[in-house]
Amino acid sequence: MRHVLYILSCGTLCFFGCPDPTDILEEEATTGKILFQLAEDCGGGALDIYVNEQWIGTLDTYRSDGGPFCGDAPTLDHLATDLPFGTHTVRIVAQGTGAQLTDAVFISSNTDCTPFRILCSRFGAAGGGGGSGGGSGSGAPGRIIFQRNSDCETGNWDDYYLDGAFVHRNTKYWPDGGPACNWTPDKDHIVILANPGSHTINIRSEAGGSWTDEVTVTSDGCLEYAVTCSMLSGNNGGSGGGGGGTGSTPPGKIIFQRNDDCQAGWVEYYINDQLVKRSSYLWPNGGPYCHSAHDEDHITAWVDPGTYTLKTVSQAGGTYTSQVTVSSDGCVEYPVTCSMLSDGNGGGGGNSGGGGGSCDWNSATQFITVVEAVVGTRCNSDNSIEVTVRNDSNGFIKAGICLQRANGTWYSTVDGTFNEGLAPGKTKNWYLCEATGSYGIWAMSITDYLANDCRYPTDAQCQ
């Protein structure tokens, strides 16, 4: 691995004179931007992105940094398109498997950018439409449109789950009737797409209310679902169906968080041998904490009070099991560490994989050119570092980087090209919000990487 200390200051250069700010006139915007980013390795190869059934481009790399962020420029792992204000249909197709994701996106005149994070859990079967929910049916997804009709004095938010998976946190209500299927998704009308079939919905309020119901979604159909105060008040038992609380006893929650990449691939989270979620995402900045928001890197499961068996299974082969007790209205914080994710829980397995051959991550670094390394360009932090590299060889390369955190520890990450590798002439960009400015590049040919089933260098091996 090549170790480099490369820090540049940033500024603005004006060639042929700088314009007078008074000469710049603002025009009223009529369009906004959707910015797409694949957040984890879904194993389906490159993704074709369609908006309103028109192909706009392909994403063939992923970036697990919590984005997309509207300040990001379109790159190999960020795809953007400008569209008129209003509602647009998005369809994403995995080239390798044919799995699809469909959604409706509302572009508001109040913002010039709408981020769209692509997650593995949202893909349906090949040709089956995809969407937010599971279901066993085929065909185009249908819609469930929710609307909260009153404040209800049940707290500041209500959370929406579909088949046990968190979908949306709502903080708004609309008192003038509805919902109606001809309304567009916006801050007051929550639209969830689901595959045709039966689904369990669960609505939980900050006040402790838990409402559970079974619904049936038809292909291209629409279900109007008004959310009332009785559903959101505490101590209700819902209307039956799976999940949710038991009525007089409010549920508790378990919040999982993976704190490091650990070179373990994806992780599956189980409660009593029931899969909660598979995710490749992590959050390296401490936690989890019970006040953390529900999102891709904080996996939250609501359960009735009692004792549960928790299990994590990693792609690297690590399995870890333990028991926790959840109290009514309580919360269990469950950090997922590298020792839990390593093969055999024994410490990670080193640099070479199951193929038995040599995995030399320094064998192709001479073909990687650092195009740019700058500080202060990301996360509104003067301590951020951003590095862009290019493959200057004639073949495909598997590349990655070690970035030193501000506390002196190292963070290792990969190029996000799955088993394809970084193509000749292609670039890859990485960044870290709080860093020292020190980094190192590692690379090998994709042929060696695949032949030897190599594992990525660990954080500890960056030093």
Protein backbone atom coordinates (compact mmCIF):
# COMPACT_ATOMS: atom_id res chain seq x y z
CA MET A 1 0.00 0.00 0.00
CA ARG A 2 1.30 3.44 -0.89
CA HIS A 3 1.13 5.83 2.09
CA VAL A 4 0.73 9.47 1.14
CA LEU A 5 0.29 12.68 3.10
CA TYR A 6 -1.43 14.99 0.66
CA ILE A 7 -3.17 18.17 1.82
CA LEU A 8 -4.26 21.00 -0.45
CA SER A 9 -6.04 24.23 0.37
CA CYS A 10 -9.12 25.10 -1.63
CA GLY A 11 -10.16 28.37 -3.19
CA THR A 12 -11.93 29.92 -6.15
CA LEU A 13 -10.02 30.90 -9.28
CA CYS A 14 -11.38 33.33 -11.88
CA PHE A 15 -9.88 33.23 -15.37
CA PHE A 16 -10.30 36.23 -17.74
CA GLY A 17 -11.73 38.31 -14.89
CA CYS A 18 -14.41 37.61 -12.29
CA PRO A 19 -18.02 38.63 -12.95
CA ASP A 20 -19.58 41.50 -11.08
CA PRO A 21 -22.13 39.95 -8.67
CA THR A 22 -24.59 42.68 -9.63
CA ASP A 23 -24.54 41.38 -13.23
CA ILE A 24 -25.87 37.97 -12.19
CA LEU A 25 -29.67 37.81 -12.38
CA GLU A 26 -31.65 35.03 -10.72
CA GLU A 27 -34.36 33.36 -12.77
CA GLU A 28 -37.27 31.65 -11.11
CA ALA A 29 -36.61 27.90 -11.07
CA THR A 30 -39.08 25.55 -12.74
CA THR A 31 -37.18 22.31 -12.26
CA GLY A 32 -35.54 20.33 -9.50
CA LYS A 33 -33.00 17.54 -9.37
CA ILE A 34 -33.19 13.91 -8.27
CA LEU A 35 -29.81 12.63 -7.09
CA PHE A 36 -29.50 8.83 -7.03
CA GLN A 37 -26.98 6.82 -5.02
CA LEU A 38 -26.67 3.07 -4.43
CA ALA A 39 -25.95 2.76 -0.69
CA GLU A 40 -24.88 -0.88 -0.46
CA ASP A 41 -23.69 -3.87 -2.49
CA CYS A 42 -26.88 -5.66 -3.57
CA GLY A 43 -25.11 -8.28 -5.69
CA GLY A 44 -27.20 -7.56 -8.78
CA GLY A 45 -24.57 -5.82 -10.88
CA ALA A 46 -25.07 -2.43 -12.50
CA LEU A 47 -28.42 -0.63 -12.15
CA ASP A 48 -30.40 0.93 -14.99
CA ILE A 49 -32.29 4.04 -13.80
CA TYR A 50 -35.58 5.03 -15.47
CA VAL A 51 -37.64 8.13 -14.68
CA ASN A 52 -41.14 8.26 -16.16
CA GLU A 53 -40.10 5.09 -18.06
CA GLN A 54 -37.28 6.98 -19.76
CA TRP A 55 -33.76 5.62 -19.25
CA ILE A 56 -31.48 8.28 -17.79
CA GLY A 57 -28.32 6.31 -17.05
CA THR A 58 -26.58 3.48 -15.19
CA LEU A 59 -25.09 3.21 -11.70
CA ASP A 60 -22.36 0.58 -11.42
CA THR A 61 -20.76 1.47 -8.08
CA TYR A 62 -22.07 1.98 -4.56
CA ARG A 63 -21.10 4.35 -1.76
CA SER A 64 -22.03 3.68 1.88
CA ASP A 65 -21.46 7.16 3.30
CA GLY A 66 -25.03 8.00 4.33
CA GLY A 67 -25.76 9.92 1.12
CA PRO A 68 -26.66 11.03 -1.36
CA PHE A 69 -26.08 14.59 -0.28
CA CYS A 70 -27.34 17.36 -2.50
CA GLY A 71 -23.91 18.98 -2.61
CA ASP A 72 -22.44 15.89 -4.27
CA ALA A 73 -21.52 16.20 -7.92
CA PRO A 74 -22.73 13.51 -10.36
CA THR A 75 -19.98 10.87 -10.55
CA LEU A 76 -19.73 7.13 -11.13
CA ASP A 77 -21.66 6.60 -7.87
CA HIS A 78 -24.00 9.61 -8.09
CA LEU A 79 -26.50 9.93 -10.95
CA ALA A 80 -28.59 13.11 -11.27
CA THR A 81 -31.38 14.26 -13.56
CA ASP A 82 -33.33 17.54 -13.76
CA LEU A 83 -37.13 17.31 -13.88
CA PRO A 84 -40.11 19.70 -13.68
CA PHE A 85 -41.78 20.23 -10.32
CA GLY A 86 -44.37 17.54 -9.59
CA THR A 87 -44.59 13.76 -9.23
CA HIS A 88 -42.41 11.39 -11.24
CA THR A 89 -42.20 7.60 -11.46
CA VAL A 90 -38.83 5.99 -10.78
CA ARG A 91 -37.97 2.44 -11.84
CA ILE A 92 -34.58 0.85 -11.13
CA VAL A 93 -33.57 -2.49 -12.66
CA ALA A 94 -30.57 -4.63 -11.64
CA GLN A 95 -28.87 -5.84 -14.82
CA GLY A 96 -27.56 -9.05 -13.25
CA THR A 97 -30.78 -10.36 -11.68
CA GLY A 98 -33.61 -8.38 -13.24
CA ALA A 99 -34.83 -7.35 -9.76
CA GLN A 100 -36.74 -4.08 -9.81
CA LEU A 101 -37.54 -1.15 -7.53
CA THR A 102 -40.31 1.32 -8.30
CA ASP A 103 -41.28 4.48 -6.48
CA ALA A 104 -43.04 7.81 -6.88
CA VAL A 105 -40.93 10.91 -6.24
CA PHE A 106 -42.36 14.37 -5.59
CA ILE A 107 -40.15 17.30 -6.63
CA SER A 108 -41.17 20.39 -4.70
CA SER A 109 -40.68 24.01 -5.66
CA ASN A 110 -39.33 24.51 -2.13
CA THR A 111 -36.11 22.62 -2.86
CA ASP A 112 -33.77 22.26 -5.81
CA CYS A 113 -32.64 18.73 -4.96
CA THR A 114 -34.33 15.48 -3.92
CA PRO A 115 -31.92 12.73 -2.72
CA PHE A 116 -32.85 9.12 -3.59
CA ARG A 117 -30.95 6.44 -1.65
CA ILE A 118 -31.13 2.98 -3.26
CA LEU A 119 -31.28 0.11 -0.75
CA CYS A 120 -31.14 -3.65 -1.37
CA SER A 121 -34.21 -4.28 0.79
CA ARG A 122 -36.42 -2.29 -1.58
CA PHE A 123 -35.89 -4.53 -4.61
CA GLY A 124 -38.62 -6.99 -5.59
CA ALA A 125 -38.35 -10.10 -7.74
CA ALA A 126 -37.31 -9.94 -11.38
CA GLY A 127 -40.10 -8.42 -13.42
CA GLY A 128 -42.25 -8.05 -10.33
CA GLY A 129 -42.12 -4.33 -9.87
CA GLY A 130 -40.37 -4.07 -6.50
CA GLY A 131 -41.39 -1.31 -4.14
CA SER A 132 -41.15 -0.84 -0.42
CA GLY A 133 -42.92 -3.99 0.68
CA GLY A 134 -42.71 -7.71 0.19
CA GLY A 135 -45.84 -9.62 -0.69
CA SER A 136 -46.08 -12.70 -2.84
CA GLY A 137 -47.90 -11.31 -5.85
CA SER A 138 -46.52 -10.40 -9.24
CA GLY A 139 -47.07 -7.44 -11.53
CA ALA A 140 -46.71 -3.73 -11.03
CA PRO A 141 -46.78 -2.51 -7.41
CA GLY A 142 -49.78 -0.83 -5.86
CA ARG A 143 -49.93 2.15 -3.51
CA ILE A 144 -51.01 2.71 0.06
CA ILE A 145 -51.62 6.40 0.71
CA PHE A 146 -51.75 7.47 4.36
CA GLN A 147 -52.94 10.75 5.79
CA ARG A 148 -53.07 11.87 9.40
CA ASN A 149 -56.18 14.01 9.82
CA SER A 150 -55.56 15.70 13.17
CA ASP A 151 -52.80 16.68 15.58
CA CYS A 152 -54.30 14.29 18.18
CA GLU A 153 -51.78 15.53 20.80
CA THR A 154 -49.88 12.26 20.39
CA GLY A 155 -46.40 13.71 20.12
CA ASN A 156 -44.36 15.17 17.31
CA TRP A 157 -44.18 12.15 15.00
CA ASP A 158 -45.74 8.88 13.91
CA ASP A 159 -43.72 6.04 12.34
CA TYR A 160 -44.98 3.81 9.51
CA TYR A 161 -43.92 0.18 9.07
CA LEU A 162 -44.71 -2.23 6.24
CA ASP A 163 -44.28 -5.95 6.94
CA GLY A 164 -42.13 -5.11 9.95
CA ALA A 165 -39.76 -2.80 8.05
CA PHE A 166 -39.58 0.89 8.92
CA VAL A 167 -40.64 3.05 5.96
CA HIS A 168 -41.30 6.64 7.01
CA ARG A 169 -41.46 9.05 9.95
CA ASN A 170 -44.26 11.62 9.60
CA THR A 171 -44.43 14.97 11.41
CA LYS A 172 -47.36 16.55 9.51
CA TYR A 173 -51.14 16.26 9.33
CA TRP A 174 -53.84 17.42 6.90
CA PRO A 175 -57.26 18.21 8.42
CA ASP A 176 -59.33 18.74 5.25
CA GLY A 177 -60.53 15.23 4.45
CA GLY A 178 -58.90 12.42 2.57
CA PRO A 179 -56.65 10.80 1.71
CA ALA A 180 -57.54 10.35 -1.95
CA CYS A 181 -55.68 8.27 -4.51
CA ASN A 182 -55.50 11.12 -7.02
CA TRP A 183 -53.40 13.19 -4.63
CA THR A 184 -49.65 13.39 -5.15
CA PRO A 185 -47.16 12.36 -2.47
CA ASP A 186 -45.99 15.31 -0.40
CA LYS A 187 -45.26 16.17 3.21
CA ASP A 188 -48.90 15.59 4.23
CA HIS A 189 -49.67 12.47 2.19
CA ILE A 190 -47.45 9.45 2.72
CA VAL A 191 -47.34 7.06 -0.23
CA ILE A 192 -45.86 3.57 0.18
CA LEU A 193 -45.47 1.27 -2.81
CA ALA A 194 -45.90 -2.46 -2.19
CA ASN A 195 -46.00 -5.60 -4.30
CA PRO A 196 -49.46 -7.12 -4.93
CA GLY A 197 -50.60 -9.29 -2.03
CA SER A 198 -51.31 -9.12 1.70
CA HIS A 199 -49.26 -6.82 3.91
CA THR A 200 -49.09 -5.87 7.57
CA ILE A 201 -48.99 -2.17 8.33
CA ASN A 202 -48.06 -0.80 11.72
CA ILE A 203 -48.32 2.84 12.82
CA ARG A 204 -46.65 4.01 16.03
CA SER A 205 -46.84 7.44 17.64
CA GLU A 206 -44.45 9.23 19.96
CA ALA A 207 -47.17 9.01 22.62
CA GLY A 208 -46.91 5.20 22.59
CA GLY A 209 -49.84 4.38 20.33
CA SER A 210 -49.47 1.26 18.19
CA TRP A 211 -51.96 0.39 15.45
CA THR A 212 -51.62 -2.77 13.35
CA ASP A 213 -53.72 -3.81 10.37
CA GLU A 214 -53.72 -6.28 7.48
CA VAL A 215 -54.26 -4.81 4.00
CA THR A 216 -54.40 -6.22 0.49
CA VAL A 217 -52.65 -4.41 -2.35
CA THR A 218 -53.52 -5.04 -6.00
CA SER A 219 -51.36 -4.51 -9.06
CA ASP A 220 -51.48 -0.81 -10.01
CA GLY A 221 -54.13 -0.38 -7.31
CA CYS A 222 -54.45 2.22 -4.58
CA LEU A 223 -55.55 1.90 -0.95
CA GLU A 224 -56.63 5.06 0.91
CA TYR A 225 -55.79 4.86 4.62
CA ALA A 226 -56.87 7.64 6.97
CA VAL A 227 -54.89 7.79 10.23
CA THR A 228 -57.10 8.80 13.16
CA CYS A 229 -56.46 9.90 16.74
CA SER A 230 -57.69 6.59 18.15
CA MET A 231 -54.93 4.80 16.24
CA LEU A 232 -52.23 7.13 17.56
CA SER A 233 -53.26 7.39 21.21
CA GLY A 234 -51.50 5.25 23.80
CA ASN A 235 -52.85 1.94 25.08
CA ASN A 236 -54.61 0.79 21.95
CA GLY A 237 -54.15 -2.66 20.56
CA GLY A 238 -54.60 -2.07 16.85
CA SER A 239 -56.99 -4.06 14.76
CA GLY A 240 -55.22 -7.41 14.83
CA GLY A 241 -52.69 -8.82 12.44
CA GLY A 242 -49.00 -9.42 12.98
CA GLY A 243 -46.66 -7.22 14.97
CA GLY A 244 -47.51 -4.27 17.12
CA GLY A 245 -48.21 -4.02 20.80
CA THR A 246 -50.76 -5.91 22.85
CA GLY A 247 -52.95 -2.97 23.81
CA SER A 248 -52.59 -2.25 27.51
CA THR A 249 -48.84 -2.92 27.43
CA PRO A 250 -46.84 -0.62 25.13
CA PRO A 251 -44.03 -2.37 23.23
CA GLY A 252 -40.31 -1.78 23.59
CA LYS A 253 -37.67 -1.60 20.91
CA ILE A 254 -34.31 -3.08 19.96
CA ILE A 255 -31.97 -0.87 17.97
CA PHE A 256 -29.06 -2.49 16.12
CA GLN A 257 -26.08 -0.58 14.78
CA ARG A 258 -22.99 -1.84 13.00
CA ASN A 259 -20.01 0.30 13.97
CA ASP A 260 -17.35 -0.84 11.50
CA ASP A 261 -17.01 -2.38 8.06
CA CYS A 262 -14.91 -5.26 9.45
CA GLN A 263 -14.54 -6.56 5.87
CA ALA A 264 -17.55 -8.76 6.64
CA GLY A 265 -19.84 -7.90 3.72
CA TRP A 266 -23.55 -7.68 4.43
CA VAL A 267 -25.09 -8.54 7.79
CA GLU A 268 -28.43 -10.22 8.51
CA TYR A 269 -30.22 -9.33 11.75
CA TYR A 270 -32.54 -11.88 13.38
CA ILE A 271 -34.91 -11.81 16.35
CA ASN A 272 -36.02 -15.28 17.52
CA ASP A 273 -34.72 -16.64 14.18
CA GLN A 274 -36.96 -14.26 12.22
CA LEU A 275 -35.03 -12.13 9.72
CA VAL A 276 -35.47 -8.42 10.44
CA LYS A 277 -33.21 -7.00 7.73
CA ARG A 278 -30.13 -7.61 5.60
CA SER A 279 -27.93 -4.54 5.34
CA SER A 280 -24.41 -3.56 4.28
CA TYR A 281 -24.63 -0.18 5.94
CA LEU A 282 -22.74 1.00 9.03
CA TRP A 283 -22.39 4.06 11.23
CA PRO A 284 -18.84 4.57 12.59
CA ASN A 285 -19.50 7.50 14.93
CA GLY A 286 -20.54 5.74 18.13
CA GLY A 287 -23.81 4.27 19.30
CA PRO A 288 -26.39 3.01 18.86
CA TYR A 289 -28.44 5.33 21.02
CA CYS A 290 -32.12 4.97 21.76
CA HIS A 291 -32.78 8.49 20.49
CA SER A 292 -31.25 7.67 17.09
CA ALA A 293 -33.55 8.20 14.12
CA HIS A 294 -34.87 5.19 12.21
CA ASP A 295 -32.80 4.88 9.06
CA GLU A 296 -30.61 2.46 7.13
CA ASP A 297 -27.75 2.49 9.62
CA HIS A 298 -29.91 2.25 12.76
CA ILE A 299 -32.07 -0.86 12.45
CA THR A 300 -35.02 -0.65 14.84
CA ALA A 301 -37.41 -3.47 15.72
CA TRP A 302 -40.50 -3.01 17.93
CA VAL A 303 -41.37 -6.01 20.11
CA ASP A 304 -43.67 -6.87 22.99
CA PRO A 305 -42.03 -6.96 26.44
CA GLY A 306 -40.10 -10.18 27.02
CA THR A 307 -36.84 -12.03 26.41
CA TYR A 308 -35.56 -12.45 22.85
CA THR A 309 -32.73 -14.27 21.10
CA LEU A 310 -30.78 -11.94 18.81
CA LYS A 311 -28.55 -13.26 16.04
CA THR A 312 -26.30 -11.58 13.50
CA VAL A 313 -24.99 -13.46 10.45
CA SER A 314 -22.34 -11.87 8.23
CA GLN A 315 -21.46 -12.57 4.62
CA ALA A 316 -17.95 -13.43 5.85
CA GLY A 317 -19.41 -16.37 7.78
CA GLY A 318 -19.55 -14.93 11.28
CA THR A 319 -22.55 -15.82 13.48
CA TYR A 320 -23.19 -14.30 16.89
CA THR A 321 -26.11 -15.07 19.22
CA SER A 322 -27.17 -13.50 22.50
CA GLN A 323 -30.29 -12.88 24.58
CA VAL A 324 -31.80 -9.58 25.64
CA THR A 325 -34.80 -8.59 27.73
CA VAL A 326 -37.05 -5.79 26.49
CA SER A 327 -39.34 -3.91 28.87
CA SER A 328 -42.55 -2.03 28.11
CA ASP A 329 -41.63 1.35 26.60
CA GLY A 330 -38.01 0.29 27.00
CA CYS A 331 -35.12 0.29 24.58
CA VAL A 332 -32.16 -2.06 24.09
CA GLU A 333 -29.09 -0.58 22.38
CA TYR A 334 -27.27 -3.36 20.49
CA PRO A 335 -23.91 -2.44 18.91
CA VAL A 336 -22.61 -4.93 16.32
CA THR A 337 -18.81 -5.26 16.47
CA CYS A 338 -16.13 -6.86 14.30
CA SER A 339 -15.65 -9.76 16.71
CA MET A 340 -19.32 -10.66 16.20
CA LEU A 341 -19.04 -10.55 12.40
CA SER A 342 -15.75 -12.37 11.79
CA ASP A 343 -15.69 -15.95 10.49
CA GLY A 344 -16.01 -18.16 13.56
CA ASN A 345 -15.99 -15.02 15.72
CA GLY A 346 -12.25 -15.49 15.89
CA GLY A 347 -10.82 -12.27 14.52
CA GLY A 348 -11.27 -11.75 10.83
CA GLY A 349 -9.18 -14.27 8.96
CA GLY A 350 -6.43 -12.06 7.49
CA ASN A 351 -5.77 -10.90 3.98
CA SER A 352 -6.25 -14.05 1.96
CA GLY A 353 -9.52 -15.81 1.38
CA GLY A 354 -10.91 -19.23 0.61
CA GLY A 355 -9.09 -19.65 -2.66
CA GLY A 356 -5.83 -20.34 -0.86
CA GLY A 357 -3.75 -18.16 -3.19
CA SER A 358 -1.81 -14.99 -2.55
CA CYS A 359 -3.74 -11.75 -2.12
CA ASP A 360 -1.20 -8.98 -2.67
CA TRP A 361 -3.01 -5.67 -2.30
CA ASN A 362 0.17 -3.82 -3.34
CA SER A 363 0.50 -5.62 -6.67
CA ALA A 364 -1.34 -3.01 -8.78
CA THR A 365 -0.91 0.27 -6.89
CA GLN A 366 1.52 1.47 -9.59
CA PHE A 367 -1.41 1.64 -12.02
CA ILE A 368 -3.52 3.86 -9.74
CA THR A 369 -3.07 7.60 -10.23
CA VAL A 370 -4.21 10.06 -7.56
CA VAL A 371 -6.12 12.65 -9.58
CA GLU A 372 -6.93 14.88 -6.62
CA ALA A 373 -6.57 14.91 -2.84
CA VAL A 374 -8.07 17.91 -1.06
CA VAL A 375 -9.24 18.89 2.41
CA GLY A 376 -12.17 20.96 3.59
CA THR A 377 -14.52 20.13 0.70
CA ARG A 378 -16.94 17.78 2.48
CA CYS A 379 -19.37 17.69 5.40
CA ASN A 380 -18.87 21.42 6.13
CA SER A 381 -15.69 20.33 7.90
CA ASP A 382 -12.21 21.85 7.56
CA ASN A 383 -10.86 18.45 8.61
CA SER A 384 -12.49 16.46 5.81
CA ILE A 385 -10.41 14.75 3.13
CA GLU A 386 -11.52 13.82 -0.39
CA VAL A 387 -9.44 11.62 -2.69
CA THR A 388 -10.08 10.80 -6.36
CA VAL A 389 -8.08 8.09 -8.16
CA ARG A 390 -7.96 6.75 -11.73
CA ASN A 391 -7.13 3.31 -13.15
CA ASP A 392 -4.36 3.96 -15.68
CA SER A 393 -3.81 0.30 -16.56
CA ASN A 394 -5.22 -1.63 -19.52
CA GLY A 395 -7.18 -4.04 -17.30
CA PHE A 396 -9.78 -4.05 -14.55
CA ILE A 397 -8.48 -3.43 -11.04
CA LYS A 398 -9.94 -3.92 -7.57
CA ALA A 399 -8.97 -0.80 -5.63
CA GLY A 400 -9.52 0.71 -2.23
CA ILE A 401 -8.21 3.24 0.23
CA CYS A 402 -7.15 3.62 3.84
CA LEU A 403 -8.09 7.00 5.36
CA GLN A 404 -6.81 8.10 8.74
CA ARG A 405 -9.51 9.40 11.07
CA ALA A 406 -8.94 12.53 13.14
CA ASN A 407 -8.45 10.37 16.25
CA GLY A 408 -5.52 8.56 14.61
CA THR A 409 -7.29 5.29 13.78
CA TRP A 410 -7.71 4.09 10.20
CA TYR A 411 -10.73 3.41 8.01
CA SER A 412 -10.50 0.97 5.09
CA THR A 413 -13.06 0.90 2.28
CA VAL A 414 -13.44 -0.52 -1.22
CA ASP A 415 -14.23 0.86 -4.68
CA GLY A 416 -17.85 -0.39 -4.79
CA THR A 417 -17.53 -2.09 -8.19
CA PHE A 418 -18.68 -5.52 -6.97
CA ASN A 419 -16.84 -8.32 -8.84
CA GLU A 420 -16.29 -6.23 -11.96
CA GLY A 421 -13.45 -4.02 -10.81
CA LEU A 422 -12.55 -0.47 -11.73
CA ALA A 423 -12.45 -0.22 -15.53
CA PRO A 424 -9.46 1.24 -17.43
CA GLY A 425 -9.58 5.02 -17.40
CA LYS A 426 -12.35 5.14 -14.79
CA THR A 427 -12.12 7.19 -11.59
CA LYS A 428 -13.24 6.56 -8.02
CA ASN A 429 -13.85 9.13 -5.28
CA TRP A 430 -13.75 8.64 -1.51
CA TYR A 431 -14.00 11.04 1.41
CA LEU A 432 -14.01 11.11 5.21
CA CYS A 433 -15.59 13.91 7.24
CA GLU A 434 -13.06 14.08 10.10
CA ALA A 435 -9.56 13.08 9.03
CA THR A 436 -5.87 13.87 9.47
CA GLY A 437 -5.19 14.11 5.73
CA SER A 438 -3.13 10.92 5.60
CA TYR A 439 -4.22 8.09 3.33
CA GLY A 440 -2.98 5.05 1.43
CA ILE A 441 -4.10 3.32 -1.78
CA TRP A 442 -4.29 -0.46 -2.24
CA ALA A 443 -5.04 -2.36 -5.45
CA MET A 444 -4.75 -5.70 -7.27
CA SER A 445 -5.96 -7.05 -10.59
CA ILE A 446 -9.58 -8.21 -10.64
CA THR A 447 -8.34 -11.58 -11.92
CA ASP A 448 -6.24 -12.19 -8.79
CA TYR A 449 -9.00 -10.85 -6.58
CA LEU A 450 -11.59 -13.30 -7.92
CA ALA A 451 -9.24 -16.28 -8.29
CA ASN A 452 -8.09 -16.10 -4.66
CA ASP A 453 -11.39 -14.99 -3.08
CA CYS A 454 -9.49 -12.15 -1.42
CA ARG A 455 -10.73 -10.19 1.55
CA TYR A 456 -10.19 -6.47 1.82
CA PRO A 457 -7.48 -5.09 4.12
CA THR A 458 -8.89 -4.43 7.57
CA ASP A 459 -8.76 -1.10 9.37
CA ALA A 460 -5.92 -2.45 11.53
CA GLN A 461 -3.90 -3.47 8.47
CA CYS A 462 -3.95 0.10 7.17
CA GLN A 463 -1.38 1.18 9.75
